[in-house]
Every structure is written in C-alpha cells, then in structure tokens.
Amino acid sequence: MENLLNNVGQYKKQYLIKRLIQSGIFKKNDKHLYEWTLTELEEEYFSLRKEKVN
C-alpha cells in the first residue's frame, strides 16, 4: 500500500510540474520545480488557476 501511495504522489508531482512549466514557471526563489514538495507544487498550481479565473 505504501508503494502505491508513493507512486501516486510521484505521478501527481510530475503532472503538476508539467502544468506549471506549460504556464511558464520553471523555478521560483532559486528552487527548481523538481525540488519542490507536493504541497508546494499544489499551492502554486491552484494559485495560478485562481489567477486565470479572476
């Protein structure tokens, strides 16, 4: 079960990184996207989506 959750987390990170790169975000505060935690990626992604809606 733990392995499955890890795989899902990695898949989700890759998805979010891909979407952020497509939006022109490659790094922030001298930290590349692949160094970010899943939580950081989610926060940036949802913040970006919120900006596009408004």
N, C-alpha and C. Protein backbone atom coordinates (compact mmCIF):
# COMPACT_ATOMS: atom_id res chain seq x y z
N MET A 1 0.82 -1.20 0.00
CA MET A 1 0.00 0.00 0.00
C MET A 1 0.86 1.27 0.00
N GLU A 2 1.92 1.26 0.79
CA GLU A 2 2.80 2.42 0.87
C GLU A 2 3.43 2.71 -0.50
N ASN A 3 3.81 1.65 -1.20
CA ASN A 3 4.41 1.80 -2.53
C ASN A 3 3.41 2.43 -3.50
N LEU A 4 2.16 2.02 -3.41
CA LEU A 4 1.11 2.57 -4.27
C LEU A 4 0.93 4.06 -4.01
N LEU A 5 0.90 4.46 -2.74
CA LEU A 5 0.75 5.87 -2.40
C LEU A 5 1.94 6.69 -2.89
N ASN A 6 3.13 6.12 -2.78
CA ASN A 6 4.33 6.81 -3.26
C ASN A 6 4.26 7.00 -4.77
N ASN A 7 3.80 5.97 -5.49
CA ASN A 7 3.67 6.08 -6.94
C ASN A 7 2.64 7.15 -7.33
N VAL A 8 1.54 7.20 -6.62
CA VAL A 8 0.51 8.20 -6.90
C VAL A 8 1.06 9.59 -6.64
N GLY A 9 1.80 9.75 -5.55
CA GLY A 9 2.40 11.05 -5.23
C GLY A 9 3.38 11.49 -6.29
N GLN A 10 4.20 10.57 -6.78
CA GLN A 10 5.17 10.89 -7.82
C GLN A 10 4.47 11.26 -9.13
N TYR A 11 3.41 10.53 -9.46
CA TYR A 11 2.64 10.83 -10.67
C TYR A 11 2.03 12.24 -10.57
N LYS A 12 1.49 12.54 -9.40
CA LYS A 12 0.86 13.85 -9.19
C LYS A 12 1.89 14.97 -9.29
N LYS A 13 3.08 14.75 -8.71
CA LYS A 13 4.14 15.75 -8.80
C LYS A 13 4.52 16.00 -10.26
N GLN A 14 4.68 14.93 -11.04
CA GLN A 14 5.05 15.08 -12.44
C GLN A 14 3.97 15.83 -13.23
N TYR A 15 2.71 15.53 -12.94
CA TYR A 15 1.60 16.21 -13.59
C TYR A 15 1.65 17.71 -13.29
N LEU A 16 1.80 18.06 -12.01
CA LEU A 16 1.82 19.47 -11.62
C LEU A 16 3.03 20.19 -12.20
N ILE A 17 4.18 19.55 -12.19
CA ILE A 17 5.38 20.15 -12.78
C ILE A 17 5.16 20.43 -14.26
N LYS A 18 4.58 19.47 -14.96
CA LYS A 18 4.30 19.65 -16.39
C LYS A 18 3.38 20.84 -16.63
N ARG A 19 2.32 20.95 -15.84
CA ARG A 19 1.37 22.05 -15.99
C ARG A 19 2.02 23.40 -15.67
N LEU A 20 2.82 23.45 -14.63
CA LEU A 20 3.48 24.71 -14.25
C LEU A 20 4.48 25.14 -15.33
N ILE A 21 5.21 24.19 -15.88
CA ILE A 21 6.15 24.51 -16.96
C ILE A 21 5.39 25.04 -18.17
N GLN A 22 4.26 24.43 -18.49
CA GLN A 22 3.45 24.91 -19.61
C GLN A 22 2.95 26.33 -19.36
N SER A 23 2.84 26.71 -18.10
CA SER A 23 2.40 28.06 -17.76
C SER A 23 3.56 29.04 -17.65
N GLY A 24 4.78 28.55 -17.91
CA GLY A 24 5.94 29.43 -17.89
C GLY A 24 6.69 29.49 -16.57
N ILE A 25 6.35 28.64 -15.65
CA ILE A 25 7.03 28.62 -14.35
C ILE A 25 8.03 27.47 -14.36
N PHE A 26 9.30 27.79 -14.17
CA PHE A 26 10.35 26.78 -14.16
C PHE A 26 11.03 26.67 -12.81
N LYS A 27 11.14 27.79 -12.13
CA LYS A 27 11.71 27.82 -10.80
C LYS A 27 11.26 29.09 -10.10
N LYS A 28 11.39 29.08 -8.80
CA LYS A 28 10.97 30.23 -8.00
C LYS A 28 11.86 30.27 -6.77
N ASN A 29 12.33 31.46 -6.44
CA ASN A 29 13.23 31.63 -5.30
C ASN A 29 14.46 30.72 -5.43
N ASP A 30 15.01 30.65 -6.64
CA ASP A 30 16.18 29.83 -6.95
C ASP A 30 16.00 28.36 -6.63
N LYS A 31 14.76 27.89 -6.68
CA LYS A 31 14.46 26.48 -6.41
C LYS A 31 13.70 25.92 -7.61
N HIS A 32 14.28 24.93 -8.29
CA HIS A 32 13.64 24.31 -9.44
C HIS A 32 12.42 23.51 -9.01
N LEU A 33 11.47 23.37 -9.93
CA LEU A 33 10.22 22.68 -9.61
C LEU A 33 10.45 21.27 -9.08
N TYR A 34 11.40 20.55 -9.61
CA TYR A 34 11.62 19.18 -9.17
C TYR A 34 12.11 19.10 -7.72
N GLU A 35 12.54 20.23 -7.17
CA GLU A 35 12.97 20.29 -5.77
C GLU A 35 11.82 20.60 -4.82
N TRP A 36 10.69 21.02 -5.36
CA TRP A 36 9.54 21.40 -4.55
C TRP A 36 8.85 20.17 -3.97
N THR A 37 8.18 20.37 -2.85
CA THR A 37 7.36 19.31 -2.29
C THR A 37 6.04 19.27 -3.05
N LEU A 38 5.31 18.19 -2.87
CA LEU A 38 4.00 18.07 -3.50
C LEU A 38 3.09 19.21 -3.04
N THR A 39 3.15 19.54 -1.78
CA THR A 39 2.33 20.63 -1.24
C THR A 39 2.67 21.97 -1.90
N GLU A 40 3.94 22.25 -2.07
CA GLU A 40 4.35 23.50 -2.72
C GLU A 40 3.86 23.55 -4.17
N LEU A 41 3.98 22.43 -4.86
CA LEU A 41 3.51 22.37 -6.24
C LEU A 41 2.01 22.59 -6.33
N GLU A 42 1.26 21.95 -5.43
CA GLU A 42 -0.19 22.12 -5.43
C GLU A 42 -0.58 23.56 -5.14
N GLU A 43 0.08 24.18 -4.17
CA GLU A 43 -0.24 25.57 -3.83
C GLU A 43 0.01 26.49 -5.01
N GLU A 44 1.12 26.33 -5.68
CA GLU A 44 1.45 27.17 -6.83
C GLU A 44 0.46 26.93 -7.98
N TYR A 45 0.15 25.67 -8.23
CA TYR A 45 -0.76 25.32 -9.32
C TYR A 45 -2.15 25.90 -9.08
N PHE A 46 -2.68 25.74 -7.87
CA PHE A 46 -4.02 26.25 -7.58
C PHE A 46 -4.03 27.77 -7.51
N SER A 47 -2.95 28.37 -7.08
CA SER A 47 -2.84 29.82 -7.09
C SER A 47 -2.86 30.34 -8.53
N LEU A 48 -2.15 29.66 -9.40
CA LEU A 48 -2.11 30.03 -10.81
C LEU A 48 -3.49 29.89 -11.45
N ARG A 49 -4.17 28.80 -11.16
CA ARG A 49 -5.52 28.59 -11.71
C ARG A 49 -6.48 29.65 -11.21
N LYS A 50 -6.35 30.02 -9.95
CA LYS A 50 -7.22 31.05 -9.37
C LYS A 50 -7.00 32.39 -10.08
N GLU A 51 -5.74 32.72 -10.39
CA GLU A 51 -5.44 33.96 -11.09
C GLU A 51 -6.07 33.97 -12.48
N LYS A 52 -6.04 32.84 -13.16
CA LYS A 52 -6.59 32.77 -14.51
C LYS A 52 -8.10 32.93 -14.51
N VAL A 53 -8.77 32.50 -13.46
CA VAL A 53 -10.22 32.60 -13.36
C VAL A 53 -10.63 34.05 -13.12
N ASN A 54 -9.87 34.74 -12.32
CA ASN A 54 -10.22 36.13 -11.97
C ASN A 54 -9.84 37.08 -13.05
